[in-house]
Amino acid sequence: MTPPPERVARKSTTREPIIQEPDSFDLEEAGSQTGTAAEPEATRRAAGVTESSRANRGWWDRNADEYQVEHGTFLGDDRFVWGPEGLDEVEAELLGPPEDLKGKDVLEIGAGAAQCSRWLAAQGARPVALDLSHRQLQHALRIGGSFPLVCADAGALPFADGSFDLACSAYGALPFVADPRLVLREVRRVLRPGGRFVFSVTHPVRWAFPDEPGPEGLTVSASYFDRTPYVEQAEDGHAVYVEHHRTLGDRVRDIVSADLRLVDLVEPEWPAWNTAEWGGWSPLRGSLVPGTAIFVCERT
């Protein structure tokens, strides 16, 4: 699961890498080569499919270590958590009862360190964990598991038609792609008839509020209907991080246009036990406005 970071550029606070660097990949060198050594500028501008994919692949490769240090404890190694509220698939059963997962072929999109796939494997499913970021998948290898790891773009899934019974994505891919319909159509293609796809994203209403966990994050500061992407860019203007906004209606229309059927829309409430802050998510905001939207879809 890879919920997005807070939409604020920041430097890594990780003092030591938690996995060894391969000789062929140097994070500091990669940053200097792509112009990301300096603090990026946050702006709102257009960003297409190719630019968004390239920027976000690089961002997650550079920041995977910090992300896992900051959020690994909350996510666990083998839990299936749908978002910062802490809604667990054990309780939600959005993919179906756990006992029905045994023997099912399941694709996890935007898997990060593959915590969700690890939980699925423990239920007897046959998961495949896919992520755009090679570095995130290195963390999946570090934790371990007997299921396949695939580094690929969600808009061009490297699988045959009808390969999976289920697909899931906990904050993976959909918030970061310029055209989510490409992903949804690919998911439909690789699902078998009657297959289910469940994905969670930042709740669309949050786009209108500052990405702050405190009281300042409760005042509308932008138009909910402004779909201009949020972009962090280097001094030369090329994007190093991109996040896209879709309204609730857009998400529904995207699902329908991909010939999927929307079965349910879940808006998790913030539970009393969860006192953690995660970027702009917090108990204060979570008790007043939704932070996550989970779409449950089926292939007809």
Foldseek 3Di string as FASTA:
>chain_A
DQADAFLAFDDAPDPDFPDDDDPVDDLVVVCVVQQNPDGFDKDFADDAQVLLLVQAQNLCQNCLRRRCVVCVVVLDQAWAAQDLLRDGCCPVCLQHHLLVQAAFEEEEAQCQLVNPVNNSVVSNHAYEYEHQYPNSPVNVVVSDDDHHYYHDQLLDDPDAFQQGQEYEYRNHRPQRGPQCLSNLLSVLRNHDAFHKYKYKHWQLVQVQARQAQDPNRVDGDHDSPDFGWIFTAGPVGRTNHITTGDHPVRVCVSNVVSQKAWDDKDFDARDPVNQDDGRSDGNVVSNPDTTMIMTMITHD
